Amino acid sequence: MAERRIDYVPTNALQFREFMNNLIAYVNKNKTAWAIPAGRLSELITSADALNDLIEEAIMKPTPANIHRRQAAQAETTALLRAFVNQFLRFDPVTDSDRIEMGVPVHDTIRTDHFVVTEVVDFVIHLHSIRELVIHFWQMGADHRAKPKHYEGAVIIWGIANGPPANPEELPNHIMASRTPFKLHFDEEERGKMVFIALAWQNERGIRGAWSEYKMAIVP
């Protein structure tokens, strides 16, 4: 079976909103130094604000029509985001540290043999607040909580299910967590249900290691 490519853009609506808010705030703080065109940033902000309104509407009234409008707006905002990142955030003066802070993948330019990921993730799940779980993760066997050197972070996959999946491909949601701890957000209709979660390290070449064991929690 071909390995699924892990996208850096979250698919979950609330996770996507958090990702966008963080990126926009960081870009806004550095827009002058990075010579970001005001019109392009304004376009991205306007699209994100409109999506946020539709997310709130879909949470309050999760009708098929509201969910469809939210999905269409999220697809449109995602397209604007990808174009913005590729045009303005992939090159100097934006640094790798900046990209890590924004959750944008760092392209590995170091000639090392990072072709095999041998490290394994260990993690615990904590209840945080309504519709949120917090994932604390670290390198299994290590005496520190830092991610392995030259690694992007840990890929988190999760899904609502009645039992552990036969293979990780059955878990529909994924996100790249560049630091620990990391919050997972859920929809109102998922409260009280079982969610299964697994993690794997991914290095700067985009090569992913072995998945951890599955762990289960109840969505608060």
N, C-alpha and C. Protein backbone atom coordinates (compact mmCIF):
# COMPACT_ATOMS: atom_id res chain seq x y z
N MET A 1 0.85 -1.20 0.00
CA MET A 1 0.00 0.00 0.00
C MET A 1 0.88 1.25 0.00
N ALA A 2 0.54 2.23 -0.85
CA ALA A 2 1.33 3.46 -0.92
C ALA A 2 1.14 4.26 0.36
N GLU A 3 2.22 4.89 0.82
CA GLU A 3 2.16 5.68 2.05
C GLU A 3 1.44 6.98 1.79
N ARG A 4 0.52 7.33 2.69
CA ARG A 4 -0.22 8.57 2.55
C ARG A 4 0.69 9.76 2.83
N ARG A 5 0.64 10.75 1.96
CA ARG A 5 1.42 11.97 2.16
C ARG A 5 0.71 12.85 3.20
N ILE A 6 1.44 13.28 4.21
CA ILE A 6 0.85 14.09 5.27
C ILE A 6 0.95 15.57 4.91
N ASP A 7 -0.19 16.20 4.80
CA ASP A 7 -0.26 17.62 4.43
C ASP A 7 -0.08 18.48 5.67
N TYR A 8 0.55 19.64 5.50
CA TYR A 8 0.74 20.51 6.66
C TYR A 8 -0.51 21.33 6.97
N VAL A 9 -1.47 21.40 6.07
CA VAL A 9 -2.70 22.16 6.29
C VAL A 9 -3.73 21.26 6.98
N PRO A 10 -4.19 21.63 8.17
CA PRO A 10 -5.16 20.78 8.88
C PRO A 10 -6.47 20.65 8.12
N THR A 11 -7.12 19.52 8.24
CA THR A 11 -8.42 19.31 7.62
C THR A 11 -9.57 19.60 8.58
N ASN A 12 -9.36 19.35 9.86
CA ASN A 12 -10.37 19.67 10.86
C ASN A 12 -10.60 21.17 10.90
N ALA A 13 -11.86 21.61 10.90
CA ALA A 13 -12.19 23.03 10.78
C ALA A 13 -11.62 23.86 11.92
N LEU A 14 -11.77 23.39 13.17
CA LEU A 14 -11.28 24.16 14.31
C LEU A 14 -9.75 24.18 14.35
N GLN A 15 -9.15 23.06 13.97
CA GLN A 15 -7.69 23.01 13.91
C GLN A 15 -7.18 23.94 12.80
N PHE A 16 -7.90 23.97 11.67
CA PHE A 16 -7.53 24.86 10.57
C PHE A 16 -7.62 26.31 11.01
N ARG A 17 -8.68 26.65 11.74
CA ARG A 17 -8.83 28.03 12.22
C ARG A 17 -7.67 28.43 13.13
N GLU A 18 -7.28 27.54 14.03
CA GLU A 18 -6.17 27.84 14.93
C GLU A 18 -4.88 28.01 14.14
N PHE A 19 -4.66 27.14 13.16
CA PHE A 19 -3.48 27.23 12.30
C PHE A 19 -3.45 28.57 11.57
N MET A 20 -4.59 28.96 10.98
CA MET A 20 -4.66 30.22 10.22
C MET A 20 -4.44 31.42 11.14
N ASN A 21 -5.07 31.41 12.30
CA ASN A 21 -4.93 32.54 13.22
C ASN A 21 -3.47 32.73 13.63
N ASN A 22 -2.78 31.62 13.90
CA ASN A 22 -1.38 31.69 14.28
C ASN A 22 -0.53 32.23 13.13
N LEU A 23 -0.75 31.70 11.91
CA LEU A 23 0.04 32.14 10.76
C LEU A 23 -0.20 33.61 10.45
N ILE A 24 -1.46 34.02 10.44
CA ILE A 24 -1.78 35.41 10.11
C ILE A 24 -1.19 36.36 11.15
N ALA A 25 -1.29 36.02 12.42
CA ALA A 25 -0.73 36.87 13.47
C ALA A 25 0.78 37.00 13.32
N TYR A 26 1.44 35.90 12.98
CA TYR A 26 2.89 35.93 12.84
C TYR A 26 3.30 36.74 11.62
N VAL A 27 2.58 36.55 10.51
CA VAL A 27 2.88 37.32 9.29
C VAL A 27 2.63 38.79 9.52
N ASN A 28 1.52 39.11 10.18
CA ASN A 28 1.17 40.51 10.42
C ASN A 28 2.26 41.21 11.23
N LYS A 29 2.87 40.47 12.17
CA LYS A 29 3.93 41.04 13.00
C LYS A 29 5.20 41.32 12.18
N ASN A 30 5.39 40.55 11.11
CA ASN A 30 6.63 40.66 10.32
C ASN A 30 6.41 41.19 8.91
N LYS A 31 5.21 41.68 8.61
CA LYS A 31 4.86 42.04 7.23
C LYS A 31 5.76 43.11 6.63
N THR A 32 6.20 44.06 7.43
CA THR A 32 7.07 45.13 6.90
C THR A 32 8.45 44.58 6.57
N ALA A 33 9.04 43.83 7.49
CA ALA A 33 10.37 43.26 7.26
C ALA A 33 10.37 42.29 6.10
N TRP A 34 9.26 41.59 5.89
CA TRP A 34 9.18 40.61 4.81
C TRP A 34 8.62 41.18 3.51
N ALA A 35 8.26 42.48 3.54
CA ALA A 35 7.72 43.16 2.35
C ALA A 35 6.50 42.43 1.79
N ILE A 36 5.57 42.07 2.67
CA ILE A 36 4.34 41.40 2.26
C ILE A 36 3.38 42.44 1.69
N PRO A 37 2.87 42.26 0.48
CA PRO A 37 1.90 43.21 -0.07
C PRO A 37 0.65 43.30 0.80
N ALA A 38 0.25 44.51 1.12
CA ALA A 38 -0.88 44.71 2.03
C ALA A 38 -2.15 44.09 1.47
N GLY A 39 -2.34 44.20 0.16
CA GLY A 39 -3.55 43.66 -0.45
C GLY A 39 -3.65 42.16 -0.33
N ARG A 40 -2.53 41.47 -0.48
CA ARG A 40 -2.55 40.01 -0.40
C ARG A 40 -2.82 39.53 1.03
N LEU A 41 -2.20 40.21 2.00
CA LEU A 41 -2.45 39.84 3.39
C LEU A 41 -3.89 40.14 3.77
N SER A 42 -4.40 41.27 3.32
CA SER A 42 -5.78 41.63 3.61
C SER A 42 -6.75 40.62 3.01
N GLU A 43 -6.44 40.14 1.81
CA GLU A 43 -7.28 39.14 1.16
C GLU A 43 -7.34 37.85 1.99
N LEU A 44 -6.19 37.45 2.51
CA LEU A 44 -6.13 36.23 3.32
C LEU A 44 -6.90 36.42 4.63
N ILE A 45 -6.74 37.58 5.26
CA ILE A 45 -7.43 37.86 6.51
C ILE A 45 -8.95 37.89 6.31
N THR A 46 -9.39 38.54 5.23
CA THR A 46 -10.83 38.62 4.94
C THR A 46 -11.43 37.23 4.74
N SER A 47 -10.71 36.39 4.00
CA SER A 47 -11.19 35.04 3.76
C SER A 47 -11.25 34.24 5.05
N ALA A 48 -10.22 34.39 5.89
CA ALA A 48 -10.18 33.66 7.17
C ALA A 48 -11.30 34.14 8.10
N ASP A 49 -11.58 35.44 8.12
CA ASP A 49 -12.65 35.97 8.97
C ASP A 49 -14.01 35.45 8.52
N ALA A 50 -14.23 35.42 7.20
CA ALA A 50 -15.50 34.91 6.68
C ALA A 50 -15.66 33.43 7.02
N LEU A 51 -14.57 32.68 6.91
CA LEU A 51 -14.62 31.26 7.27
C LEU A 51 -14.93 31.09 8.75
N ASN A 52 -14.34 31.91 9.58
CA ASN A 52 -14.58 31.81 11.02
C ASN A 52 -16.07 31.99 11.35
N ASP A 53 -16.71 32.93 10.67
CA ASP A 53 -18.15 33.14 10.89
C ASP A 53 -18.94 31.89 10.50
N LEU A 54 -18.55 31.26 9.39
CA LEU A 54 -19.26 30.06 8.93
C LEU A 54 -18.98 28.86 9.85
N ILE A 55 -17.77 28.80 10.41
CA ILE A 55 -17.46 27.74 11.37
C ILE A 55 -18.36 27.87 12.59
N GLU A 56 -18.49 29.10 13.11
CA GLU A 56 -19.33 29.33 14.28
C GLU A 56 -20.79 28.99 13.97
N GLU A 57 -21.24 29.36 12.78
CA GLU A 57 -22.61 29.07 12.39
C GLU A 57 -22.85 27.56 12.30
N ALA A 58 -21.87 26.84 11.74
CA ALA A 58 -22.00 25.39 11.61
C ALA A 58 -21.95 24.69 12.97
N ILE A 59 -21.24 25.29 13.93
CA ILE A 59 -21.21 24.72 15.28
C ILE A 59 -22.55 24.93 15.98
N MET A 60 -23.10 26.13 15.84
CA MET A 60 -24.37 26.45 16.49
C MET A 60 -25.54 25.71 15.84
N LYS A 61 -25.51 25.62 14.50
CA LYS A 61 -26.59 24.93 13.76
C LYS A 61 -25.94 24.03 12.71
N PRO A 62 -25.57 22.79 13.10
CA PRO A 62 -24.85 21.91 12.17
C PRO A 62 -25.75 21.25 11.12
N THR A 63 -26.45 22.08 10.35
CA THR A 63 -27.29 21.57 9.28
C THR A 63 -26.42 21.21 8.07
N PRO A 64 -26.90 20.35 7.18
CA PRO A 64 -26.12 20.03 5.98
C PRO A 64 -25.74 21.27 5.17
N ALA A 65 -26.66 22.24 5.08
CA ALA A 65 -26.38 23.45 4.31
C ALA A 65 -25.26 24.27 4.96
N ASN A 66 -25.31 24.43 6.28
CA ASN A 66 -24.27 25.20 6.97
C ASN A 66 -22.92 24.50 6.89
N ILE A 67 -22.91 23.19 7.03
CA ILE A 67 -21.67 22.44 6.93
C ILE A 67 -21.08 22.54 5.52
N HIS A 68 -21.96 22.49 4.52
CA HIS A 68 -21.49 22.62 3.13
C HIS A 68 -20.88 24.00 2.89
N ARG A 69 -21.52 25.06 3.41
CA ARG A 69 -20.98 26.41 3.23
C ARG A 69 -19.62 26.54 3.93
N ARG A 70 -19.51 25.94 5.11
CA ARG A 70 -18.23 25.98 5.82
C ARG A 70 -17.16 25.23 5.04
N GLN A 71 -17.47 24.07 4.51
CA GLN A 71 -16.51 23.29 3.75
C GLN A 71 -16.05 24.03 2.49
N ALA A 72 -17.00 24.66 1.78
CA ALA A 72 -16.65 25.41 0.57
C ALA A 72 -15.74 26.59 0.90
N ALA A 73 -16.07 27.30 2.00
CA ALA A 73 -15.24 28.44 2.41
C ALA A 73 -13.87 27.99 2.86
N GLN A 74 -13.78 26.84 3.53
CA GLN A 74 -12.49 26.33 3.97
C GLN A 74 -11.62 25.95 2.78
N ALA A 75 -12.23 25.35 1.74
CA ALA A 75 -11.47 25.00 0.54
C ALA A 75 -10.94 26.26 -0.15
N GLU A 76 -11.76 27.30 -0.19
CA GLU A 76 -11.33 28.56 -0.81
C GLU A 76 -10.20 29.21 -0.01
N THR A 77 -10.34 29.24 1.29
CA THR A 77 -9.30 29.83 2.13
C THR A 77 -8.01 29.02 2.06
N THR A 78 -8.14 27.70 1.98
CA THR A 78 -6.95 26.85 1.86
C THR A 78 -6.19 27.14 0.58
N ALA A 79 -6.92 27.35 -0.52
CA ALA A 79 -6.27 27.66 -1.79
C ALA A 79 -5.52 29.00 -1.70
N LEU A 80 -6.14 30.00 -1.08
CA LEU A 80 -5.48 31.29 -0.89
C LEU A 80 -4.24 31.14 -0.01
N LEU A 81 -4.38 30.34 1.04
CA LEU A 81 -3.27 30.12 1.96
C LEU A 81 -2.07 29.49 1.25
N ARG A 82 -2.32 28.43 0.48
CA ARG A 82 -1.21 27.74 -0.20
C ARG A 82 -0.49 28.69 -1.17
N ALA A 83 -1.26 29.48 -1.90
CA ALA A 83 -0.64 30.43 -2.83
C ALA A 83 0.18 31.47 -2.08
N PHE A 84 -0.34 31.94 -0.96
CA PHE A 84 0.36 32.93 -0.14
C PHE A 84 1.66 32.36 0.41
N VAL A 85 1.60 31.16 0.96
CA VAL A 85 2.79 30.52 1.52
C VAL A 85 3.84 30.32 0.44
N ASN A 86 3.44 29.79 -0.70
CA ASN A 86 4.39 29.49 -1.76
C ASN A 86 5.03 30.74 -2.35
N GLN A 87 4.29 31.84 -2.36
CA GLN A 87 4.82 33.07 -2.97
C GLN A 87 5.64 33.91 -1.99
N PHE A 88 5.28 33.90 -0.70
CA PHE A 88 5.90 34.86 0.23
C PHE A 88 6.66 34.23 1.41
N LEU A 89 6.39 32.97 1.73
CA LEU A 89 6.94 32.43 2.97
C LEU A 89 7.96 31.32 2.76
N ARG A 90 8.27 30.98 1.53
CA ARG A 90 9.21 29.90 1.26
C ARG A 90 10.67 30.37 1.16
N PHE A 91 10.89 31.69 1.10
CA PHE A 91 12.21 32.21 0.78
C PHE A 91 12.65 33.25 1.80
N ASP A 92 13.96 33.60 1.75
CA ASP A 92 14.47 34.69 2.57
C ASP A 92 13.69 35.97 2.24
N PRO A 93 13.50 36.85 3.24
CA PRO A 93 14.10 36.85 4.58
C PRO A 93 13.37 35.98 5.62
N VAL A 94 12.34 35.25 5.21
CA VAL A 94 11.67 34.34 6.14
C VAL A 94 12.63 33.19 6.43
N THR A 95 12.84 32.91 7.70
CA THR A 95 13.81 31.89 8.10
C THR A 95 13.11 30.57 8.42
N ASP A 96 13.92 29.52 8.57
CA ASP A 96 13.37 28.23 8.96
C ASP A 96 12.69 28.32 10.32
N SER A 97 13.27 29.10 11.23
CA SER A 97 12.65 29.28 12.55
C SER A 97 11.28 29.93 12.43
N ASP A 98 11.17 30.90 11.54
CA ASP A 98 9.87 31.54 11.28
C ASP A 98 8.87 30.52 10.76
N ARG A 99 9.31 29.71 9.80
CA ARG A 99 8.39 28.72 9.23
C ARG A 99 7.93 27.72 10.27
N ILE A 100 8.83 27.31 11.15
CA ILE A 100 8.45 26.38 12.21
C ILE A 100 7.40 27.01 13.12
N GLU A 101 7.59 28.28 13.46
CA GLU A 101 6.62 28.98 14.30
C GLU A 101 5.25 29.06 13.64
N MET A 102 5.23 29.17 12.31
CA MET A 102 3.96 29.28 11.59
C MET A 102 3.36 27.93 11.22
N GLY A 103 4.12 26.86 11.38
CA GLY A 103 3.62 25.55 11.00
C GLY A 103 3.80 25.23 9.54
N VAL A 104 4.67 25.98 8.86
CA VAL A 104 4.96 25.75 7.44
C VAL A 104 6.15 24.81 7.34
N PRO A 105 6.09 23.79 6.48
CA PRO A 105 7.19 22.82 6.40
C PRO A 105 8.52 23.47 6.06
N VAL A 106 9.57 22.95 6.65
CA VAL A 106 10.94 23.39 6.37
C VAL A 106 11.56 22.39 5.42
N HIS A 107 12.12 22.90 4.33
CA HIS A 107 12.78 22.01 3.37
C HIS A 107 14.21 21.77 3.82
N ASP A 108 14.57 20.52 3.92
CA ASP A 108 15.89 20.13 4.41
C ASP A 108 16.95 20.40 3.35
N THR A 109 17.92 21.25 3.68
CA THR A 109 19.03 21.54 2.76
C THR A 109 20.34 20.97 3.28
N ILE A 110 20.27 20.23 4.39
CA ILE A 110 21.46 19.65 4.99
C ILE A 110 21.73 18.29 4.39
N ARG A 111 22.93 18.07 3.88
CA ARG A 111 23.24 16.79 3.25
C ARG A 111 23.59 15.76 4.31
N THR A 112 22.57 15.15 4.86
CA THR A 112 22.76 14.10 5.84
C THR A 112 21.93 12.91 5.41
N ASP A 113 22.19 11.78 6.03
CA ASP A 113 21.48 10.57 5.64
C ASP A 113 20.19 10.41 6.43
N HIS A 114 19.27 11.38 6.26
CA HIS A 114 18.00 11.37 6.97
C HIS A 114 16.96 10.56 6.19
N PHE A 115 17.35 9.42 5.67
CA PHE A 115 16.44 8.65 4.84
C PHE A 115 15.67 7.61 5.63
N VAL A 116 16.04 7.39 6.87
CA VAL A 116 15.35 6.42 7.71
C VAL A 116 15.06 7.08 9.05
N VAL A 117 13.82 6.97 9.50
CA VAL A 117 13.43 7.49 10.81
C VAL A 117 13.29 6.30 11.75
N THR A 118 14.20 6.21 12.71
CA THR A 118 14.20 5.06 13.62
C THR A 118 13.54 5.37 14.96
N GLU A 119 13.42 6.66 15.30
CA GLU A 119 12.85 7.03 16.59
C GLU A 119 11.34 6.75 16.62
N VAL A 120 10.83 6.49 17.81
CA VAL A 120 9.41 6.21 18.02
C VAL A 120 8.84 7.23 19.00
N VAL A 121 7.60 7.63 18.76
CA VAL A 121 6.93 8.59 19.64
C VAL A 121 6.23 7.86 20.79
N ASP A 122 6.34 8.43 21.98
CA ASP A 122 5.49 8.04 23.08
C ASP A 122 4.67 9.27 23.46
N PHE A 123 3.47 9.05 24.01
CA PHE A 123 2.62 10.21 24.31
C PHE A 123 1.56 9.85 25.34
N VAL A 124 1.00 10.90 25.93
CA VAL A 124 -0.15 10.75 26.82
C VAL A 124 -1.21 11.75 26.39
N ILE A 125 -2.46 11.44 26.72
CA ILE A 125 -3.60 12.28 26.36
C ILE A 125 -4.20 12.85 27.64
N HIS A 126 -4.40 14.16 27.67
CA HIS A 126 -5.03 14.81 28.82
C HIS A 126 -6.31 15.50 28.39
N LEU A 127 -7.34 15.43 29.23
CA LEU A 127 -8.55 16.22 29.01
C LEU A 127 -8.21 17.67 29.27
N HIS A 128 -8.71 18.57 28.43
CA HIS A 128 -8.38 19.99 28.60
C HIS A 128 -9.63 20.79 28.90
N SER A 129 -10.52 20.88 27.93
CA SER A 129 -11.78 21.60 28.11
C SER A 129 -12.78 21.01 27.13
N ILE A 130 -13.93 21.58 27.05
CA ILE A 130 -14.96 21.06 26.15
C ILE A 130 -14.43 21.00 24.72
N ARG A 131 -14.55 19.83 24.12
CA ARG A 131 -14.17 19.57 22.72
C ARG A 131 -12.66 19.69 22.48
N GLU A 132 -11.86 19.54 23.52
CA GLU A 132 -10.40 19.63 23.35
C GLU A 132 -9.69 18.51 24.12
N LEU A 133 -8.68 17.95 23.49
CA LEU A 133 -7.74 17.04 24.14
C LEU A 133 -6.34 17.58 23.95
N VAL A 134 -5.47 17.37 24.94
CA VAL A 134 -4.09 17.83 24.84
C VAL A 134 -3.18 16.61 24.75
N ILE A 135 -2.31 16.63 23.73
CA ILE A 135 -1.37 15.54 23.51
C ILE A 135 0.02 15.99 23.95
N HIS A 136 0.59 15.30 24.93
CA HIS A 136 1.98 15.51 25.33
C HIS A 136 2.80 14.37 24.74
N PHE A 137 3.80 14.70 23.91
CA PHE A 137 4.56 13.63 23.25
C PHE A 137 6.06 13.87 23.40
N TRP A 138 6.83 12.78 23.25
CA TRP A 138 8.28 12.83 23.40
C TRP A 138 8.88 11.62 22.69
N GLN A 139 10.20 11.63 22.58
CA GLN A 139 10.90 10.50 21.97
C GLN A 139 10.97 9.35 22.96
N MET A 140 10.47 8.20 22.56
CA MET A 140 10.47 7.05 23.46
C MET A 140 11.89 6.71 23.91
N GLY A 141 12.07 6.58 25.21
CA GLY A 141 13.37 6.22 25.77
C GLY A 141 14.27 7.40 26.06
N ALA A 142 13.89 8.60 25.64
CA ALA A 142 14.73 9.78 25.87
C ALA A 142 14.43 10.38 27.24
N ASP A 143 15.41 11.10 27.79
CA ASP A 143 15.23 11.74 29.10
C ASP A 143 14.90 13.22 28.95
N HIS A 144 14.37 13.61 27.79
CA HIS A 144 13.98 15.00 27.54
C HIS A 144 12.74 15.00 26.67
N ARG A 145 12.14 16.18 26.50
CA ARG A 145 10.92 16.29 25.71
C ARG A 145 11.17 16.95 24.35
N ALA A 146 12.42 17.19 23.98
CA ALA A 146 12.72 17.82 22.69
C ALA A 146 12.52 16.82 21.56
N LYS A 147 12.08 17.34 20.40
CA LYS A 147 11.96 16.45 19.24
C LYS A 147 13.36 16.12 18.72
N PRO A 148 13.52 15.02 18.00
CA PRO A 148 14.83 14.67 17.47
C PRO A 148 15.39 15.77 16.55
N LYS A 149 16.70 15.92 16.53
CA LYS A 149 17.36 16.96 15.74
C LYS A 149 17.05 16.77 14.25
N HIS A 150 16.79 17.89 13.56
CA HIS A 150 16.48 17.92 12.12
C HIS A 150 15.14 17.26 11.82
N TYR A 151 14.22 17.25 12.78
CA TYR A 151 12.90 16.71 12.55
C TYR A 151 11.88 17.84 12.54
N GLU A 152 10.87 17.74 11.67
CA GLU A 152 9.79 18.72 11.63
C GLU A 152 8.95 18.64 12.89
N GLY A 153 8.69 17.44 13.34
CA GLY A 153 7.84 17.23 14.50
C GLY A 153 7.20 15.87 14.43
N ALA A 154 6.04 15.76 15.06
CA ALA A 154 5.30 14.50 15.08
C ALA A 154 4.01 14.65 14.30
N VAL A 155 3.73 13.67 13.45
CA VAL A 155 2.44 13.62 12.76
C VAL A 155 1.44 12.97 13.72
N ILE A 156 0.31 13.64 13.94
CA ILE A 156 -0.76 13.09 14.77
C ILE A 156 -1.90 12.67 13.85
N ILE A 157 -2.36 11.43 13.98
CA ILE A 157 -3.55 10.98 13.26
C ILE A 157 -4.59 10.55 14.28
N TRP A 158 -5.87 10.80 13.97
CA TRP A 158 -6.91 10.45 14.91
C TRP A 158 -8.25 10.27 14.19
N GLY A 159 -9.16 9.59 14.88
CA GLY A 159 -10.48 9.39 14.31
C GLY A 159 -11.44 8.83 15.35
N ILE A 160 -12.72 9.14 15.17
CA ILE A 160 -13.78 8.60 16.01
C ILE A 160 -14.05 7.17 15.56
N ALA A 161 -14.07 6.22 16.51
CA ALA A 161 -14.29 4.82 16.17
C ALA A 161 -14.76 4.06 17.40
N ASN A 162 -15.34 2.88 17.16
CA ASN A 162 -15.80 2.03 18.26
C ASN A 162 -14.70 1.11 18.77
N GLY A 163 -13.57 1.05 18.05
CA GLY A 163 -12.45 0.21 18.45
C GLY A 163 -11.21 0.62 17.69
N PRO A 164 -10.06 0.12 18.09
CA PRO A 164 -8.82 0.49 17.41
C PRO A 164 -8.85 0.05 15.95
N PRO A 165 -8.34 0.88 15.03
CA PRO A 165 -8.37 0.54 13.61
C PRO A 165 -7.41 -0.59 13.27
N ALA A 166 -7.69 -1.26 12.16
CA ALA A 166 -6.81 -2.33 11.70
C ALA A 166 -5.48 -1.77 11.20
N ASN A 167 -5.51 -0.55 10.63
CA ASN A 167 -4.28 0.09 10.18
C ASN A 167 -4.46 1.60 10.27
N PRO A 168 -3.38 2.36 10.31
CA PRO A 168 -3.47 3.82 10.51
C PRO A 168 -4.24 4.54 9.42
N GLU A 169 -4.31 3.99 8.20
CA GLU A 169 -5.00 4.66 7.11
C GLU A 169 -6.50 4.83 7.40
N GLU A 170 -7.02 4.09 8.37
CA GLU A 170 -8.43 4.21 8.70
C GLU A 170 -8.73 5.44 9.56
N LEU A 171 -7.70 6.07 10.11
CA LEU A 171 -7.90 7.29 10.90
C LEU A 171 -7.89 8.48 9.95
N PRO A 172 -9.01 9.21 9.82
CA PRO A 172 -9.15 10.19 8.74
C PRO A 172 -8.49 11.54 8.96
N ASN A 173 -8.18 11.90 10.21
CA ASN A 173 -7.66 13.24 10.50
C ASN A 173 -6.17 13.19 10.77
N HIS A 174 -5.47 14.24 10.35
CA HIS A 174 -4.03 14.29 10.57
C HIS A 174 -3.57 15.74 10.70
N ILE A 175 -2.46 15.92 11.39
CA ILE A 175 -1.86 17.25 11.51
C ILE A 175 -0.40 17.08 11.93
N MET A 176 0.43 18.04 11.53
CA MET A 176 1.82 18.06 11.96
C MET A 176 1.95 18.90 13.22
N ALA A 177 2.44 18.31 14.28
CA ALA A 177 2.66 19.02 15.54
C ALA A 177 4.15 19.30 15.68
N SER A 178 4.55 20.56 15.60
CA SER A 178 5.97 20.90 15.64
C SER A 178 6.49 21.01 17.06
N ARG A 179 5.58 21.02 18.05
CA ARG A 179 6.02 21.12 19.43
C ARG A 179 4.99 20.46 20.34
N THR A 180 5.44 20.13 21.55
CA THR A 180 4.57 19.54 22.54
C THR A 180 4.37 20.50 23.70
N PRO A 181 3.18 20.58 24.33
CA PRO A 181 1.98 19.80 24.03
C PRO A 181 1.23 20.37 22.83
N PHE A 182 0.26 19.60 22.34
CA PHE A 182 -0.51 20.02 21.17
C PHE A 182 -1.99 19.74 21.43
N LYS A 183 -2.85 20.72 21.12
CA LYS A 183 -4.29 20.58 21.35
C LYS A 183 -4.98 20.04 20.10
N LEU A 184 -5.87 19.08 20.31
CA LEU A 184 -6.75 18.60 19.25
C LEU A 184 -8.15 19.13 19.52
N HIS A 185 -8.81 19.63 18.49
CA HIS A 185 -10.16 20.18 18.62
C HIS A 185 -11.17 19.25 17.95
N PHE A 186 -12.37 19.21 18.50
CA PHE A 186 -13.40 18.31 18.00
C PHE A 186 -14.71 19.08 17.80
N ASP A 187 -15.59 18.49 17.00
CA ASP A 187 -16.91 19.08 16.78
C ASP A 187 -17.86 18.69 17.91
N GLU A 188 -18.92 19.47 18.07
CA GLU A 188 -19.87 19.24 19.15
C GLU A 188 -20.47 17.84 19.08
N GLU A 189 -20.78 17.36 17.87
CA GLU A 189 -21.41 16.04 17.75
C GLU A 189 -20.46 14.89 18.09
N GLU A 190 -19.17 15.19 18.25
CA GLU A 190 -18.20 14.15 18.60
C GLU A 190 -18.02 13.99 20.12
N ARG A 191 -18.62 14.86 20.89
CA ARG A 191 -18.49 14.79 22.34
C ARG A 191 -19.06 13.47 22.88
N GLY A 192 -18.34 12.88 23.83
CA GLY A 192 -18.78 11.63 24.43
C GLY A 192 -18.41 10.39 23.64
N LYS A 193 -17.77 10.56 22.49
CA LYS A 193 -17.41 9.42 21.66
C LYS A 193 -15.94 9.05 21.85
N MET A 194 -15.62 7.81 21.49
CA MET A 194 -14.23 7.35 21.59
C MET A 194 -13.43 7.85 20.40
N VAL A 195 -12.23 8.37 20.69
CA VAL A 195 -11.31 8.77 19.63
C VAL A 195 -10.01 7.99 19.81
N PHE A 196 -9.50 7.47 18.72
CA PHE A 196 -8.24 6.74 18.73
C PHE A 196 -7.16 7.59 18.08
N ILE A 197 -5.97 7.60 18.68
CA ILE A 197 -4.90 8.51 18.29
C ILE A 197 -3.59 7.73 18.17
N ALA A 198 -2.79 8.09 17.17
CA ALA A 198 -1.43 7.54 17.04
C ALA A 198 -0.52 8.66 16.53
N LEU A 199 0.79 8.54 16.79
CA LEU A 199 1.76 9.53 16.37
C LEU A 199 2.96 8.86 15.73
N ALA A 200 3.66 9.63 14.89
CA ALA A 200 4.93 9.17 14.30
C ALA A 200 5.80 10.39 14.05
N TRP A 201 7.10 10.24 14.24
CA TRP A 201 8.04 11.33 13.93
C TRP A 201 8.15 11.50 12.42
N GLN A 202 8.40 12.74 11.99
CA GLN A 202 8.67 13.02 10.58
C GLN A 202 9.86 13.97 10.50
N ASN A 203 10.85 13.63 9.67
CA ASN A 203 12.03 14.48 9.59
C ASN A 203 11.87 15.56 8.53
N GLU A 204 12.91 16.37 8.34
CA GLU A 204 12.82 17.52 7.45
C GLU A 204 12.74 17.14 5.98
N ARG A 205 13.04 15.90 5.64
CA ARG A 205 12.87 15.42 4.28
C ARG A 205 11.45 14.93 4.02
N GLY A 206 10.61 14.99 5.04
CA GLY A 206 9.25 14.49 4.89
C GLY A 206 9.13 13.00 5.06
N ILE A 207 10.19 12.35 5.57
CA ILE A 207 10.17 10.91 5.78
C ILE A 207 9.61 10.63 7.17
N ARG A 208 8.63 9.74 7.22
CA ARG A 208 7.93 9.45 8.46
C ARG A 208 8.39 8.13 9.05
N GLY A 209 8.43 8.08 10.38
CA GLY A 209 8.80 6.85 11.07
C GLY A 209 7.61 5.96 11.35
N ALA A 210 7.82 4.98 12.21
CA ALA A 210 6.77 4.03 12.54
C ALA A 210 5.72 4.68 13.43
N TRP A 211 4.47 4.26 13.25
CA TRP A 211 3.40 4.76 14.09
C TRP A 211 3.53 4.20 15.50
N SER A 212 3.15 4.99 16.47
CA SER A 212 3.10 4.54 17.86
C SER A 212 1.94 3.57 18.03
N GLU A 213 1.79 3.06 19.23
CA GLU A 213 0.59 2.31 19.55
C GLU A 213 -0.60 3.27 19.53
N TYR A 214 -1.81 2.71 19.32
CA TYR A 214 -3.02 3.52 19.41
C TYR A 214 -3.36 3.76 20.87
N LYS A 215 -3.82 4.97 21.15
CA LYS A 215 -4.33 5.27 22.48
C LYS A 215 -5.72 5.87 22.32
N MET A 216 -6.58 5.63 23.31
CA MET A 216 -7.98 6.03 23.22
C MET A 216 -8.34 7.04 24.31
N ALA A 217 -9.23 7.96 23.97
CA ALA A 217 -9.79 8.89 24.95
C ALA A 217 -11.25 9.14 24.58
N ILE A 218 -11.98 9.69 25.52
CA ILE A 218 -13.36 10.11 25.28
C ILE A 218 -13.35 11.62 25.05
N VAL A 219 -13.96 12.06 23.97
CA VAL A 219 -13.99 13.50 23.67
C VAL A 219 -14.82 14.22 24.73
N PRO A 220 -14.22 15.18 25.43
CA PRO A 220 -14.95 15.85 26.51
C PRO A 220 -16.00 16.83 26.00
